[in-house]
């Protein structure tokens, strides 16, 4: 289970942000508590993190239904469980037959090889700071900074990730603060006011972006 301390940390951070910013106070009131928390790895972080990263790669640049279908076929092709060993033993053509592009199949095989070699040390990756996590993950061809940031946010539960290149965060910020769509550089500068809790602000920006106006 996710430690209760994780939830308390997010609640304390949200309360601090509400004091700092009236717009954020309104977003919190409208959308409720932020649910960010570390992934429950059930005693095997390498297996859990590998599985979610393979899913993230599969879903890149695809609509949800199509990505879900491809991921489902991939799980079947790997014998029902997405593991490093299963990926390394699967022929490339079987990964492609599940619906993966050449690039995604190559990325997933490359990730499996990097984990097996220890270049990407998923078993202990939660013990590293954000910069080292990003460095390790982006060392795999096909895994970029955005994917690494989403891993930090939604799987490691890190509180100060600020994905300024994410269109949803930019759109939500513009809508909530009633400003023009910011450039990544402008959003980066704006985020300084919310350190060290920018992950929470990003989550509420996504909610604002989804709100029908």
C-alpha atoms as a PDB file:
ATOM      1  CA  UNK A   1       0.000   0.000   0.000  1.00  0.00           C
ATOM      2  CA  UNK A   2       1.011   3.623  -0.516  1.00  0.00           C
ATOM      3  CA  UNK A   3       2.335   5.060   2.770  1.00  0.00           C
ATOM      4  CA  UNK A   4      -0.118   7.367   4.538  1.00  0.00           C
ATOM      5  CA  UNK A   5       2.700   9.900   4.824  1.00  0.00           C
ATOM      6  CA  UNK A   6       2.549  10.438   1.049  1.00  0.00           C
ATOM      7  CA  UNK A   7      -1.051  11.600   1.234  1.00  0.00           C
ATOM      8  CA  UNK A   8      -0.313  13.823   4.200  1.00  0.00           C
ATOM      9  CA  UNK A   9       2.596  15.426   2.349  1.00  0.00           C
ATOM     10  CA  UNK A  10       0.370  16.268  -0.619  1.00  0.00           C
ATOM     11  CA  UNK A  11      -2.333  17.675   1.652  1.00  0.00           C
ATOM     12  CA  UNK A  12       0.167  19.863   3.503  1.00  0.00           C
ATOM     13  CA  UNK A  13       1.696  21.049   0.247  1.00  0.00           C
ATOM     14  CA  UNK A  14      -1.735  21.845  -1.199  1.00  0.00           C
ATOM     15  CA  UNK A  15      -2.667  23.818   1.907  1.00  0.00           C
ATOM     16  CA  UNK A  16       0.536  25.852   1.530  1.00  0.00           C
ATOM     17  CA  UNK A  17      -0.194  26.569  -2.134  1.00  0.00           C
ATOM     18  CA  UNK A  18      -3.743  27.669  -1.323  1.00  0.00           C
ATOM     19  CA  UNK A  19      -2.311  30.254   1.050  1.00  0.00           C
ATOM     20  CA  UNK A  20       0.034  31.532  -1.647  1.00  0.00           C
ATOM     21  CA  UNK A  21      -2.352  31.817  -4.587  1.00  0.00           C
ATOM     22  CA  UNK A  22      -6.066  32.678  -4.773  1.00  0.00           C
ATOM     23  CA  UNK A  23      -6.431  31.065  -8.204  1.00  0.00           C
ATOM     24  CA  UNK A  24      -5.069  27.793  -6.892  1.00  0.00           C
ATOM     25  CA  UNK A  25      -7.430  28.051  -3.937  1.00  0.00           C
ATOM     26  CA  UNK A  26     -10.299  28.192  -6.409  1.00  0.00           C
ATOM     27  CA  UNK A  27      -8.977  25.215  -8.375  1.00  0.00           C
ATOM     28  CA  UNK A  28      -8.657  23.143  -5.216  1.00  0.00           C
ATOM     29  CA  UNK A  29     -12.201  24.042  -4.208  1.00  0.00           C
ATOM     30  CA  UNK A  30     -13.499  23.133  -7.670  1.00  0.00           C
ATOM     31  CA  UNK A  31     -11.597  19.896  -8.257  1.00  0.00           C
ATOM     32  CA  UNK A  32     -10.991  18.468  -4.810  1.00  0.00           C
ATOM     33  CA  UNK A  33      -7.836  16.916  -3.371  1.00  0.00           C
ATOM     34  CA  UNK A  34      -4.832  16.183  -5.547  1.00  0.00           C
ATOM     35  CA  UNK A  35      -4.328  12.394  -5.648  1.00  0.00           C
ATOM     36  CA  UNK A  36      -0.612  12.256  -6.502  1.00  0.00           C
ATOM     37  CA  UNK A  37       1.153   9.445  -4.653  1.00  0.00           C
ATOM     38  CA  UNK A  38       3.927   6.926  -5.269  1.00  0.00           C
ATOM     39  CA  UNK A  39       2.992   3.765  -7.144  1.00  0.00           C
ATOM     40  CA  UNK A  40       2.401   0.746  -4.922  1.00  0.00           C
ATOM     41  CA  UNK A  41       5.249  -1.489  -6.106  1.00  0.00           C
ATOM     42  CA  UNK A  42       4.194  -4.471  -3.979  1.00  0.00           C
ATOM     43  CA  UNK A  43       7.766  -5.277  -2.949  1.00  0.00           C
ATOM     44  CA  UNK A  44       9.164  -5.495  -6.503  1.00  0.00           C
ATOM     45  CA  UNK A  45       9.926  -1.991  -7.769  1.00  0.00           C
ATOM     46  CA  UNK A  46      11.833  -3.125 -10.847  1.00  0.00           C
ATOM     47  CA  UNK A  47       8.904  -5.181 -12.132  1.00  0.00           C
ATOM     48  CA  UNK A  48       6.317  -2.534 -11.301  1.00  0.00           C
ATOM     49  CA  UNK A  49       8.237   0.372 -12.807  1.00  0.00           C
ATOM     50  CA  UNK A  50       9.211  -1.590 -15.918  1.00  0.00           C
ATOM     51  CA  UNK A  51       5.595  -2.474 -16.563  1.00  0.00           C
ATOM     52  CA  UNK A  52       4.347   1.113 -16.252  1.00  0.00           C
ATOM     53  CA  UNK A  53       7.148   2.429 -18.462  1.00  0.00           C
ATOM     54  CA  UNK A  54       6.330  -0.098 -21.185  1.00  0.00           C
ATOM     55  CA  UNK A  55       2.709   1.015 -20.964  1.00  0.00           C
ATOM     56  CA  UNK A  56       3.764   4.671 -21.199  1.00  0.00           C
ATOM     57  CA  UNK A  57       5.830   4.006 -24.320  1.00  0.00           C
ATOM     58  CA  UNK A  58       2.952   2.051 -25.869  1.00  0.00           C
ATOM     59  CA  UNK A  59       0.511   4.898 -25.246  1.00  0.00           C
ATOM     60  CA  UNK A  60       2.722   7.676 -26.640  1.00  0.00           C
ATOM     61  CA  UNK A  61       0.994   9.682 -29.399  1.00  0.00           C
ATOM     62  CA  UNK A  62      -2.007   7.338 -29.595  1.00  0.00           C
ATOM     63  CA  UNK A  63      -5.675   7.725 -28.704  1.00  0.00           C
ATOM     64  CA  UNK A  64      -6.627   5.877 -25.537  1.00  0.00           C
ATOM     65  CA  UNK A  65      -8.724   3.108 -27.126  1.00  0.00           C
ATOM     66  CA  UNK A  66      -6.142   2.261 -29.790  1.00  0.00           C
ATOM     67  CA  UNK A  67      -3.308   2.335 -27.277  1.00  0.00           C
ATOM     68  CA  UNK A  68      -5.244   0.125 -24.873  1.00  0.00           C
ATOM     69  CA  UNK A  69      -5.854  -2.454 -27.599  1.00  0.00           C
ATOM     70  CA  UNK A  70      -2.187  -2.534 -28.589  1.00  0.00           C
ATOM     71  CA  UNK A  71      -1.069  -2.776 -24.978  1.00  0.00           C
ATOM     72  CA  UNK A  72      -3.492  -5.636 -24.393  1.00  0.00           C
ATOM     73  CA  UNK A  73      -2.110  -7.542 -27.381  1.00  0.00           C
ATOM     74  CA  UNK A  74       1.426  -6.855 -26.159  1.00  0.00           C
ATOM     75  CA  UNK A  75       0.656  -8.317 -22.732  1.00  0.00           C
ATOM     76  CA  UNK A  76      -0.738 -11.447 -24.393  1.00  0.00           C
ATOM     77  CA  UNK A  77       2.345 -11.707 -26.644  1.00  0.00           C
ATOM     78  CA  UNK A  78       4.543 -11.555 -23.556  1.00  0.00           C
ATOM     79  CA  UNK A  79       2.739 -14.426 -21.893  1.00  0.00           C
ATOM     80  CA  UNK A  80       0.447 -12.340 -19.719  1.00  0.00           C
ATOM     81  CA  UNK A  81       3.103 -10.425 -17.791  1.00  0.00           C
ATOM     82  CA  UNK A  82       5.270  -7.518 -18.926  1.00  0.00           C
ATOM     83  CA  UNK A  83       8.727  -8.302 -17.558  1.00  0.00           C
ATOM     84  CA  UNK A  84      12.284  -7.599 -18.588  1.00  0.00           C
ATOM     85  CA  UNK A  85      12.915 -11.290 -19.223  1.00  0.00           C
ATOM     86  CA  UNK A  86       9.801 -11.703 -21.341  1.00  0.00           C
ATOM     87  CA  UNK A  87      10.619  -8.671 -23.482  1.00  0.00           C
ATOM     88  CA  UNK A  88      14.212  -9.789 -24.011  1.00  0.00           C
ATOM     89  CA  UNK A  89      13.106 -13.266 -25.050  1.00  0.00           C
ATOM     90  CA  UNK A  90      10.332 -12.070 -27.380  1.00  0.00           C
ATOM     91  CA  UNK A  91      11.198 -11.861 -31.093  1.00  0.00           C
ATOM     92  CA  UNK A  92      11.050  -8.330 -32.457  1.00  0.00           C
ATOM     93  CA  UNK A  93       8.423  -9.421 -34.990  1.00  0.00           C
ATOM     94  CA  UNK A  94       6.108 -10.534 -32.172  1.00  0.00           C
ATOM     95  CA  UNK A  95       6.288  -7.071 -30.606  1.00  0.00           C
ATOM     96  CA  UNK A  96       5.518  -5.540 -33.983  1.00  0.00           C
ATOM     97  CA  UNK A  97       2.645  -7.983 -34.529  1.00  0.00           C
ATOM     98  CA  UNK A  98       1.023  -6.695 -31.334  1.00  0.00           C
ATOM     99  CA  UNK A  99       0.728  -3.334 -33.060  1.00  0.00           C
ATOM    100  CA  UNK A 100       3.840  -1.547 -31.854  1.00  0.00           C
ATOM    101  CA  UNK A 101       5.663   0.655 -34.326  1.00  0.00           C
ATOM    102  CA  UNK A 102       9.290  -0.123 -35.113  1.00  0.00           C
ATOM    103  CA  UNK A 103      10.343   2.802 -32.941  1.00  0.00           C
ATOM    104  CA  UNK A 104       8.263   1.739 -29.929  1.00  0.00           C
ATOM    105  CA  UNK A 105       9.289  -1.909 -30.171  1.00  0.00           C
ATOM    106  CA  UNK A 106      12.924  -0.786 -30.328  1.00  0.00           C
ATOM    107  CA  UNK A 107      12.444   1.488 -27.313  1.00  0.00           C
ATOM    108  CA  UNK A 108      10.841  -1.238 -25.229  1.00  0.00           C
ATOM    109  CA  UNK A 109      13.595  -3.712 -26.107  1.00  0.00           C
ATOM    110  CA  UNK A 110      16.186  -1.037 -25.376  1.00  0.00           C
ATOM    111  CA  UNK A 111      14.630  -0.326 -21.990  1.00  0.00           C
ATOM    112  CA  UNK A 112      14.621  -4.021 -21.124  1.00  0.00           C
ATOM    113  CA  UNK A 113      18.280  -4.321 -22.120  1.00  0.00           C
ATOM    114  CA  UNK A 114      19.211  -1.232 -20.082  1.00  0.00           C
ATOM    115  CA  UNK A 115      17.412  -2.557 -17.001  1.00  0.00           C
ATOM    116  CA  UNK A 116      19.056  -5.958 -17.379  1.00  0.00           C
ATOM    117  CA  UNK A 117      22.481  -4.302 -17.725  1.00  0.00           C
ATOM    118  CA  UNK A 118      21.855  -1.980 -14.763  1.00  0.00           C
ATOM    119  CA  UNK A 119      22.158   1.161 -16.877  1.00  0.00           C
ATOM    120  CA  UNK A 120      18.608   1.982 -15.837  1.00  0.00           C
ATOM    121  CA  UNK A 121      18.443   0.737 -12.251  1.00  0.00           C
ATOM    122  CA  UNK A 122      14.689   0.582 -11.743  1.00  0.00           C
ATOM    123  CA  UNK A 123      14.960  -1.414  -8.538  1.00  0.00           C
ATOM    124  CA  UNK A 124      16.544   1.507  -6.738  1.00  0.00           C
ATOM    125  CA  UNK A 125      15.447   4.403  -8.898  1.00  0.00           C
ATOM    126  CA  UNK A 126      13.116   5.815  -6.254  1.00  0.00           C
ATOM    127  CA  UNK A 127      16.182   6.590  -4.155  1.00  0.00           C
ATOM    128  CA  UNK A 128      17.600   9.001  -6.745  1.00  0.00           C
ATOM    129  CA  UNK A 129      16.856  12.684  -7.155  1.00  0.00           C
ATOM    130  CA  UNK A 130      14.715  13.904 -10.037  1.00  0.00           C
ATOM    131  CA  UNK A 131      17.640  14.846 -12.270  1.00  0.00           C
ATOM    132  CA  UNK A 132      19.218  11.388 -11.979  1.00  0.00           C
ATOM    133  CA  UNK A 133      15.906   9.649 -12.672  1.00  0.00           C
ATOM    134  CA  UNK A 134      15.490  11.733 -15.821  1.00  0.00           C
ATOM    135  CA  UNK A 135      19.105  11.071 -16.847  1.00  0.00           C
ATOM    136  CA  UNK A 136      18.719   7.317 -16.514  1.00  0.00           C
ATOM    137  CA  UNK A 137      15.379   7.070 -18.299  1.00  0.00           C
ATOM    138  CA  UNK A 138      16.293   9.385 -21.166  1.00  0.00           C
ATOM    139  CA  UNK A 139      19.455   7.376 -21.777  1.00  0.00           C
ATOM    140  CA  UNK A 140      17.118   4.921 -23.512  1.00  0.00           C
ATOM    141  CA  UNK A 141      16.470   5.974 -27.075  1.00  0.00           C
ATOM    142  CA  UNK A 142      12.788   6.834 -27.476  1.00  0.00           C
ATOM    143  CA  UNK A 143      12.204   7.867 -23.860  1.00  0.00           C
ATOM    144  CA  UNK A 144      12.225  11.643 -23.683  1.00  0.00           C
ATOM    145  CA  UNK A 145      12.046  14.190 -20.860  1.00  0.00           C
ATOM    146  CA  UNK A 146       8.232  14.306 -20.897  1.00  0.00           C
ATOM    147  CA  UNK A 147       7.907  10.550 -20.315  1.00  0.00           C
ATOM    148  CA  UNK A 148      10.489  10.769 -17.533  1.00  0.00           C
ATOM    149  CA  UNK A 149       8.619  13.667 -15.934  1.00  0.00           C
ATOM    150  CA  UNK A 150       5.334  11.746 -16.039  1.00  0.00           C
ATOM    151  CA  UNK A 151       7.098   8.820 -14.365  1.00  0.00           C
ATOM    152  CA  UNK A 152       8.336  11.139 -11.623  1.00  0.00           C
ATOM    153  CA  UNK A 153       4.881  12.612 -11.128  1.00  0.00           C
ATOM    154  CA  UNK A 154       2.582   9.636 -11.342  1.00  0.00           C
ATOM    155  CA  UNK A 155       4.786   6.706 -10.328  1.00  0.00           C
ATOM    156  CA  UNK A 156       7.314   8.142  -7.901  1.00  0.00           C
ATOM    157  CA  UNK A 157       4.932  10.784  -6.536  1.00  0.00           C
ATOM    158  CA  UNK A 158       7.530  13.557  -6.670  1.00  0.00           C
ATOM    159  CA  UNK A 159       6.159  16.930  -5.591  1.00  0.00           C
ATOM    160  CA  UNK A 160       8.242  19.388  -7.592  1.00  0.00           C
ATOM    161  CA  UNK A 161       7.984  18.318 -11.230  1.00  0.00           C
ATOM    162  CA  UNK A 162       7.048  21.109 -13.648  1.00  0.00           C
ATOM    163  CA  UNK A 163       6.413  19.792 -17.194  1.00  0.00           C
ATOM    164  CA  UNK A 164       6.460  23.123 -19.011  1.00  0.00           C
ATOM    165  CA  UNK A 165       6.424  21.450 -22.420  1.00  0.00           C
ATOM    166  CA  UNK A 166       3.107  19.733 -21.747  1.00  0.00           C
ATOM    167  CA  UNK A 167       0.342  21.419 -23.734  1.00  0.00           C
ATOM    168  CA  UNK A 168      -2.324  20.525 -21.166  1.00  0.00           C
ATOM    169  CA  UNK A 169      -0.408  22.240 -18.370  1.00  0.00           C
ATOM    170  CA  UNK A 170       0.137  25.322 -20.532  1.00  0.00           C
ATOM    171  CA  UNK A 171      -3.519  25.417 -21.596  1.00  0.00           C
ATOM    172  CA  UNK A 172      -4.787  24.937 -18.058  1.00  0.00           C
ATOM    173  CA  UNK A 173      -2.514  27.642 -16.721  1.00  0.00           C
ATOM    174  CA  UNK A 174      -3.722  30.083 -19.380  1.00  0.00           C
ATOM    175  CA  UNK A 175      -7.356  29.258 -18.661  1.00  0.00           C
ATOM    176  CA  UNK A 176      -7.136  29.354 -14.870  1.00  0.00           C
ATOM    177  CA  UNK A 177      -5.006  32.483 -14.608  1.00  0.00           C
ATOM    178  CA  UNK A 178      -6.785  34.142 -17.565  1.00  0.00           C
ATOM    179  CA  UNK A 179      -3.649  34.839 -19.574  1.00  0.00           C
ATOM    180  CA  UNK A 180      -2.436  34.072 -23.082  1.00  0.00           C
ATOM    181  CA  UNK A 181      -1.080  30.582 -23.713  1.00  0.00           C
ATOM    182  CA  UNK A 182       2.437  30.753 -22.227  1.00  0.00           C
ATOM    183  CA  UNK A 183       5.554  29.514 -23.903  1.00  0.00           C
ATOM    184  CA  UNK A 184       7.456  26.812 -22.030  1.00  0.00           C
ATOM    185  CA  UNK A 185       9.981  29.467 -20.963  1.00  0.00           C
ATOM    186  CA  UNK A 186       7.234  31.732 -19.644  1.00  0.00           C
ATOM    187  CA  UNK A 187       5.608  28.879 -17.764  1.00  0.00           C
ATOM    188  CA  UNK A 188       8.971  27.885 -16.337  1.00  0.00           C
ATOM    189  CA  UNK A 189       9.406  31.369 -14.933  1.00  0.00           C
ATOM    190  CA  UNK A 190       5.870  31.451 -13.532  1.00  0.00           C
ATOM    191  CA  UNK A 191       6.449  28.156 -11.772  1.00  0.00           C
ATOM    192  CA  UNK A 192       9.184  29.590  -9.567  1.00  0.00           C
ATOM    193  CA  UNK A 193       6.477  30.954  -7.266  1.00  0.00           C
ATOM    194  CA  UNK A 194       5.275  27.433  -6.459  1.00  0.00           C
ATOM    195  CA  UNK A 195       8.495  25.621  -5.629  1.00  0.00           C
ATOM    196  CA  UNK A 196       8.822  23.010  -4.177  1.00  0.00           C
ATOM    197  CA  UNK A 197       5.279  21.846  -4.943  1.00  0.00           C
ATOM    198  CA  UNK A 198       4.954  22.380  -8.695  1.00  0.00           C
ATOM    199  CA  UNK A 199       3.674  18.851  -9.380  1.00  0.00           C
ATOM    200  CA  UNK A 200       0.477  19.737  -7.554  1.00  0.00           C
ATOM    201  CA  UNK A 201       0.074  22.925  -9.580  1.00  0.00           C
ATOM    202  CA  UNK A 202       0.578  20.900 -12.777  1.00  0.00           C
ATOM    203  CA  UNK A 203      -2.181  18.499 -11.712  1.00  0.00           C
ATOM    204  CA  UNK A 204      -4.619  21.356 -11.176  1.00  0.00           C
ATOM    205  CA  UNK A 205      -3.601  22.902 -14.502  1.00  0.00           C
ATOM    206  CA  UNK A 206      -4.596  19.632 -16.190  1.00  0.00           C
ATOM    207  CA  UNK A 207      -7.957  19.769 -14.424  1.00  0.00           C
ATOM    208  CA  UNK A 208      -8.455  23.373 -15.554  1.00  0.00           C
ATOM    209  CA  UNK A 209      -7.602  22.391 -19.133  1.00  0.00           C
ATOM    210  CA  UNK A 210     -10.281  19.695 -19.055  1.00  0.00           C
ATOM    211  CA  UNK A 211     -12.988  21.995 -17.705  1.00  0.00           C
ATOM    212  CA  UNK A 212     -15.640  22.938 -20.232  1.00  0.00           C
ATOM    213  CA  UNK A 213     -16.118  26.703 -20.384  1.00  0.00           C
END
